[in-house]
Amino acid sequence: MNKNIIFRIMKFFNSTPLLHLSVDENFDTVTRSHLSTKKRFRLSLIALNFGTLKLYIFTLSTTPIARKIGFNFFYVLDFDKIQQRKSGNEISAIAEEYEKNTLNNLTPNERSRQEEFLKIRITENNDSLSNIFDKANYYTTVILAFSAALVYAYSKLIELQLNITTLLIFYLVLINMLDLLDLILLLRRSVSVSGFHRYSFKSLCTSKKEYALTKSLYFDFVASSNDVQYYAGLTKNTEMRSFRVILIGFFLLICTTIKFNHIETKQDSPLLYLQSYTTLDKNR
């Protein structure tokens, strides 16, 4: 019970740009597993999200068990450094290691079985990439349609008089706008494919080694697995941000409707009273 309360408090501060609590290793997001691990937490006065970059201003990082505290005026967290895509040279080095330690020791039948296995895994990775990009396009469509409703809510909220309730609503509007900007940048990164590393057909044709095909398939398998891992991470962050934008957006729409219905009721009441008063006066 106590852990649930602590986790909800942590999630609350993980969701607000002021007094923001985060975990660097998980690209800002706090999860339930962090309650019982030795992860480093970051507490920031201000946190701003810009797609694959997160900016923390006046921030403290601390590891509860080690009791080590670090302070930074500014700290930038980069998704590409946490979820790194392997370069072509790195994938080639992995393929060379596979050739040295495995391929040289395989019989033709064993190589054939490995080729079939690698073909299946490459197909699975390609299907996963296709599903990931379909999700990104789906979220793009949903957010574009929902943005029209958000613009309507924002335009109506400007007309409200300032009080404690409206200040809280305006703070939610600020959070929603920052989340929407972050989501747009994440979607842009998700759909803008910079390129994939794949084994070239020329290298395969010019190689005289009998296991050249197996090596090329292993290269493509490592590269496609790395692509799936990278874009799946982007999609996961996109899903979380989309949920927050829609959830807070619906709440703002409800607040807008309730507030303006309340204002219209107040404006209509005096008119009804004056009309009934006039009617009575004429009867006299």
Protein backbone atom coordinates (compact mmCIF):
# COMPACT_ATOMS: atom_id res chain seq x y z
CA MET A 1 0.00 0.00 0.00
CA ASN A 2 2.79 2.41 0.93
CA LYS A 3 4.66 1.56 -2.27
CA ASN A 4 1.57 2.33 -4.34
CA ILE A 5 1.24 5.75 -2.70
CA ILE A 6 4.94 6.48 -3.18
CA PHE A 7 4.75 5.41 -6.82
CA ARG A 8 1.74 7.65 -7.52
CA ILE A 9 3.54 10.60 -5.95
CA MET A 10 6.60 9.86 -8.09
CA LYS A 11 4.46 9.62 -11.24
CA PHE A 12 2.83 12.94 -10.42
CA PHE A 13 6.17 14.71 -10.21
CA ASN A 14 7.31 12.81 -13.30
CA SER A 15 4.38 14.37 -15.21
CA THR A 16 4.84 18.02 -14.28
CA PRO A 17 7.40 20.40 -15.84
CA LEU A 18 7.96 22.06 -12.45
CA LEU A 19 9.73 20.10 -9.69
CA HIS A 20 10.18 17.26 -12.13
CA LEU A 21 11.33 13.79 -11.02
CA SER A 22 12.93 11.52 -13.64
CA VAL A 23 15.26 8.59 -14.32
CA ASP A 24 17.99 9.14 -16.90
CA GLU A 25 18.49 5.46 -17.74
CA ASN A 26 14.83 5.14 -18.80
CA PHE A 27 14.78 8.38 -20.80
CA ASP A 28 13.02 10.35 -18.07
CA THR A 29 10.13 7.94 -17.40
CA VAL A 30 9.63 6.63 -13.84
CA THR A 31 8.24 3.10 -13.59
CA ARG A 32 7.16 0.92 -10.69
CA SER A 33 10.35 -1.15 -10.92
CA HIS A 34 12.39 1.90 -9.94
CA LEU A 35 11.00 1.67 -6.40
CA SER A 36 13.19 -1.32 -5.64
CA THR A 37 16.29 -0.63 -7.76
CA LYS A 38 19.43 1.42 -7.37
CA LYS A 39 18.64 3.75 -10.26
CA ARG A 40 19.77 7.35 -10.19
CA PHE A 41 16.90 9.79 -9.80
CA ARG A 42 16.92 13.34 -11.09
CA LEU A 43 14.99 16.21 -9.49
CA SER A 44 14.77 19.37 -11.60
CA LEU A 45 13.22 22.75 -11.02
CA ILE A 46 12.15 22.92 -14.69
CA ALA A 47 12.01 20.12 -17.28
CA LEU A 48 11.36 20.74 -20.97
CA ASN A 49 10.85 18.01 -23.58
CA PHE A 50 11.82 18.47 -27.22
CA GLY A 51 11.26 15.10 -28.86
CA THR A 52 14.46 13.08 -28.50
CA LEU A 53 16.02 15.76 -26.28
CA LYS A 54 15.09 16.61 -22.70
CA LEU A 55 16.38 19.76 -21.03
CA TYR A 56 16.62 20.00 -17.24
CA ILE A 57 17.25 23.34 -15.54
CA PHE A 58 18.61 23.58 -11.97
CA THR A 59 18.76 19.85 -11.52
CA LEU A 60 19.96 17.43 -8.83
CA SER A 61 20.86 13.81 -9.55
CA THR A 62 21.04 11.36 -6.69
CA THR A 63 21.35 7.64 -6.01
CA PRO A 64 19.38 6.85 -2.83
CA ILE A 65 21.55 3.93 -1.64
CA ALA A 66 24.94 5.42 -2.52
CA ARG A 67 23.83 8.84 -1.27
CA LYS A 68 25.71 10.62 -4.04
CA ILE A 69 24.33 13.98 -5.17
CA GLY A 70 25.30 15.92 -8.28
CA PHE A 71 24.13 19.40 -9.32
CA ASN A 72 23.86 20.97 -12.78
CA PHE A 73 22.46 24.30 -13.91
CA PHE A 74 21.60 22.68 -17.25
CA TYR A 75 21.50 19.04 -18.25
CA VAL A 76 20.50 17.58 -21.62
CA LEU A 77 19.32 13.99 -21.98
CA ASP A 78 19.60 12.60 -25.52
CA PHE A 79 17.55 9.59 -26.64
CA ASP A 80 20.20 8.70 -29.24
CA LYS A 81 22.77 8.26 -26.48
CA ILE A 82 20.53 6.02 -24.38
CA GLN A 83 19.07 3.99 -27.25
CA GLN A 84 21.99 4.09 -29.66
CA ARG A 85 21.76 2.80 -33.20
CA LYS A 86 24.80 0.79 -34.23
CA SER A 87 26.85 2.22 -37.07
CA GLY A 88 27.72 0.25 -40.18
CA ASN A 89 31.26 -0.33 -38.89
CA GLU A 90 29.96 -1.66 -35.56
CA ILE A 91 27.62 -4.10 -37.31
CA SER A 92 30.45 -5.18 -39.61
CA ALA A 93 32.63 -5.87 -36.57
CA ILE A 94 29.88 -8.04 -35.05
CA ALA A 95 29.54 -9.92 -38.35
CA GLU A 96 33.32 -10.46 -38.50
CA GLU A 97 33.24 -11.84 -34.96
CA TYR A 98 30.42 -14.17 -35.96
CA GLU A 99 32.44 -15.34 -38.97
CA LYS A 100 35.52 -15.96 -36.85
CA ASN A 101 33.88 -17.74 -33.90
CA THR A 102 30.94 -19.51 -35.56
CA LEU A 103 30.89 -19.71 -39.35
CA ASN A 104 34.35 -21.23 -39.69
CA ASN A 105 33.27 -24.13 -37.49
CA LEU A 106 29.96 -24.97 -39.18
CA THR A 107 29.26 -27.75 -41.64
CA PRO A 108 27.30 -27.00 -44.85
CA ASN A 109 24.12 -28.49 -43.33
CA GLU A 110 24.51 -26.40 -40.17
CA ARG A 111 25.03 -23.26 -42.25
CA SER A 112 21.91 -24.05 -44.22
CA ARG A 113 19.87 -24.34 -41.03
CA GLN A 114 21.31 -21.05 -39.75
CA GLU A 115 20.42 -19.34 -43.02
CA GLU A 116 16.81 -20.50 -42.73
CA PHE A 117 16.67 -19.30 -39.13
CA LEU A 118 18.17 -15.90 -40.01
CA LYS A 119 15.73 -15.46 -42.91
CA ILE A 120 12.80 -16.04 -40.54
CA ARG A 121 14.16 -13.58 -37.98
CA ILE A 122 14.86 -10.92 -40.62
CA THR A 123 11.28 -11.29 -41.90
CA GLU A 124 9.96 -10.89 -38.35
CA ASN A 125 12.06 -7.77 -37.85
CA ASN A 126 10.83 -6.28 -41.11
CA ASP A 127 7.23 -6.97 -40.09
CA SER A 128 7.87 -5.33 -36.71
CA LEU A 129 9.33 -2.25 -38.40
CA SER A 130 6.31 -2.04 -40.67
CA ASN A 131 3.96 -2.21 -37.66
CA ILE A 132 6.00 0.46 -35.85
CA PHE A 133 5.77 2.87 -38.78
CA ASP A 134 2.05 2.15 -39.15
CA LYS A 135 1.60 3.08 -35.48
CA ALA A 136 3.53 6.32 -35.99
CA ASN A 137 1.30 7.25 -38.94
CA TYR A 138 -1.80 6.36 -36.91
CA TYR A 139 -0.78 8.59 -34.00
CA THR A 140 0.04 11.38 -36.43
CA THR A 141 -3.48 11.20 -37.88
CA VAL A 142 -5.14 11.06 -34.45
CA ILE A 143 -3.18 14.01 -33.05
CA LEU A 144 -3.80 16.15 -36.13
CA ALA A 145 -7.54 15.57 -35.74
CA PHE A 146 -7.47 16.13 -31.98
CA SER A 147 -5.44 19.35 -32.33
CA ALA A 148 -8.48 21.09 -33.82
CA ALA A 149 -10.45 20.39 -30.63
CA LEU A 150 -7.53 21.60 -28.52
CA VAL A 151 -7.32 24.88 -30.45
CA TYR A 152 -11.04 25.42 -29.81
CA ALA A 153 -10.57 24.74 -26.07
CA TYR A 154 -7.58 27.09 -25.87
CA SER A 155 -9.44 29.91 -27.63
CA LYS A 156 -12.38 29.64 -25.22
CA LEU A 157 -10.24 29.46 -22.09
CA ILE A 158 -8.65 32.82 -22.92
CA GLU A 159 -12.02 34.48 -22.26
CA LEU A 160 -12.23 33.20 -18.67
CA GLN A 161 -11.67 35.51 -15.72
CA LEU A 162 -8.62 34.88 -13.59
CA ASN A 163 -9.09 33.02 -10.32
CA ILE A 164 -7.56 30.03 -8.59
CA THR A 165 -9.53 27.54 -10.68
CA THR A 166 -8.67 29.13 -14.01
CA LEU A 167 -4.99 29.43 -13.00
CA LEU A 168 -4.90 25.67 -12.43
CA ILE A 169 -6.60 25.17 -15.79
CA PHE A 170 -4.06 27.45 -17.50
CA TYR A 171 -1.26 25.41 -15.90
CA LEU A 172 -2.79 22.27 -17.42
CA VAL A 173 -2.94 24.10 -20.75
CA LEU A 174 0.78 24.86 -20.45
CA ILE A 175 1.54 21.19 -19.73
CA ASN A 176 -0.69 20.12 -22.62
CA MET A 177 0.98 22.50 -25.07
CA LEU A 178 4.48 21.36 -24.03
CA ASP A 179 3.40 17.72 -24.36
CA LEU A 180 1.92 18.43 -27.79
CA LEU A 181 5.16 20.07 -28.96
CA ASP A 182 7.14 17.11 -27.63
CA LEU A 183 4.79 14.67 -29.35
CA ILE A 184 5.04 16.45 -32.71
CA LEU A 185 8.84 16.29 -32.56
CA LEU A 186 8.74 12.61 -31.57
CA LEU A 187 6.37 11.79 -34.44
CA ARG A 188 8.56 13.72 -36.86
CA ARG A 189 11.57 11.69 -35.76
CA SER A 190 9.62 8.42 -35.93
CA VAL A 191 8.47 8.87 -39.52
CA SER A 192 11.66 10.47 -40.87
CA VAL A 193 13.78 7.40 -41.61
CA SER A 194 17.43 8.39 -42.01
CA GLY A 195 18.41 5.08 -43.61
CA PHE A 196 19.07 1.44 -42.79
CA HIS A 197 22.32 -0.51 -42.82
CA ARG A 198 22.09 -3.61 -44.98
CA TYR A 199 24.67 -5.91 -46.55
CA SER A 200 25.37 -4.80 -50.12
CA PHE A 201 24.66 -7.13 -53.02
CA LYS A 202 27.99 -6.15 -54.58
CA SER A 203 29.94 -7.39 -51.56
CA LEU A 204 28.04 -10.66 -51.64
CA CYS A 205 28.75 -11.21 -55.35
CA THR A 206 32.48 -10.42 -55.10
CA SER A 207 33.08 -12.59 -52.04
CA LYS A 208 34.62 -16.00 -52.79
CA LYS A 209 33.85 -17.50 -49.39
CA GLU A 210 31.34 -20.33 -49.38
CA TYR A 211 29.56 -18.92 -46.34
CA ALA A 212 29.22 -15.38 -47.73
CA LEU A 213 25.42 -15.66 -47.89
CA THR A 214 25.20 -16.76 -44.24
CA LYS A 215 27.41 -13.85 -43.17
CA SER A 216 25.31 -11.36 -45.17
CA LEU A 217 22.11 -12.69 -43.59
CA TYR A 218 23.64 -12.38 -40.12
CA PHE A 219 24.67 -8.78 -40.91
CA ASP A 220 21.10 -7.95 -41.98
CA PHE A 221 19.70 -9.71 -38.90
CA VAL A 222 21.86 -7.65 -36.49
CA ALA A 223 21.07 -4.42 -38.35
CA SER A 224 17.31 -5.03 -38.51
CA SER A 225 17.19 -6.04 -34.83
CA ASN A 226 18.94 -2.82 -33.93
CA ASP A 227 16.48 -0.81 -36.05
CA VAL A 228 13.49 -2.47 -34.36
CA GLN A 229 14.89 -1.74 -30.90
CA TYR A 230 15.53 1.93 -31.73
CA TYR A 231 12.20 2.71 -33.40
CA ALA A 232 10.26 0.67 -30.82
CA GLY A 233 11.75 2.95 -28.16
CA LEU A 234 10.61 6.02 -30.09
CA THR A 235 7.13 4.55 -30.54
CA LYS A 236 6.83 3.71 -26.84
CA ASN A 237 7.60 7.32 -25.92
CA THR A 238 5.16 8.50 -28.61
CA GLU A 239 2.40 6.32 -27.16
CA MET A 240 2.91 7.64 -23.64
CA ARG A 241 2.97 11.25 -24.81
CA SER A 242 -0.11 10.74 -27.02
CA PHE A 243 -2.04 9.31 -24.08
CA ARG A 244 -1.15 12.32 -21.92
CA VAL A 245 -2.04 14.84 -24.63
CA ILE A 246 -5.43 13.21 -25.23
CA LEU A 247 -6.20 12.69 -21.53
CA ILE A 248 -5.39 16.27 -20.48
CA GLY A 249 -7.00 17.58 -23.67
CA PHE A 250 -10.31 15.87 -22.89
CA PHE A 251 -10.16 17.21 -19.35
CA LEU A 252 -9.65 20.74 -20.70
CA LEU A 253 -12.58 20.33 -23.11
CA ILE A 254 -14.79 19.24 -20.20
CA CYS A 255 -13.60 22.19 -18.10
CA THR A 256 -14.28 24.57 -20.98
CA THR A 257 -17.82 23.23 -21.43
CA ILE A 258 -18.65 23.36 -17.72
CA LYS A 259 -17.20 26.85 -17.24
CA PHE A 260 -19.03 28.38 -20.18
CA ASN A 261 -22.31 26.68 -19.28
CA HIS A 262 -21.93 28.14 -15.79
CA ILE A 263 -21.24 31.63 -17.21
CA GLU A 264 -24.22 31.44 -19.59
CA THR A 265 -26.49 30.35 -16.72
CA LYS A 266 -25.38 33.36 -14.69
CA GLN A 267 -25.98 35.70 -17.62
CA ASP A 268 -29.43 34.26 -18.37
CA SER A 269 -30.73 34.40 -14.77
CA PRO A 270 -31.06 38.24 -14.49
CA LEU A 271 -32.84 38.37 -17.86
CA LEU A 272 -35.45 35.87 -16.68
CA TYR A 273 -35.95 37.86 -13.50
CA LEU A 274 -36.43 41.17 -15.34
CA GLN A 275 -38.83 39.57 -17.80
CA SER A 276 -41.02 38.18 -15.03
CA TYR A 277 -40.90 41.53 -13.22
CA THR A 278 -42.09 43.37 -16.33
CA THR A 279 -44.96 40.94 -16.78
CA LEU A 280 -46.14 41.53 -13.25
CA ASP A 281 -45.93 45.31 -13.76
CA LYS A 282 -48.17 45.15 -16.84
CA ASN A 283 -50.83 43.13 -15.02
CA ARG A 284 -51.12 45.89 -12.47
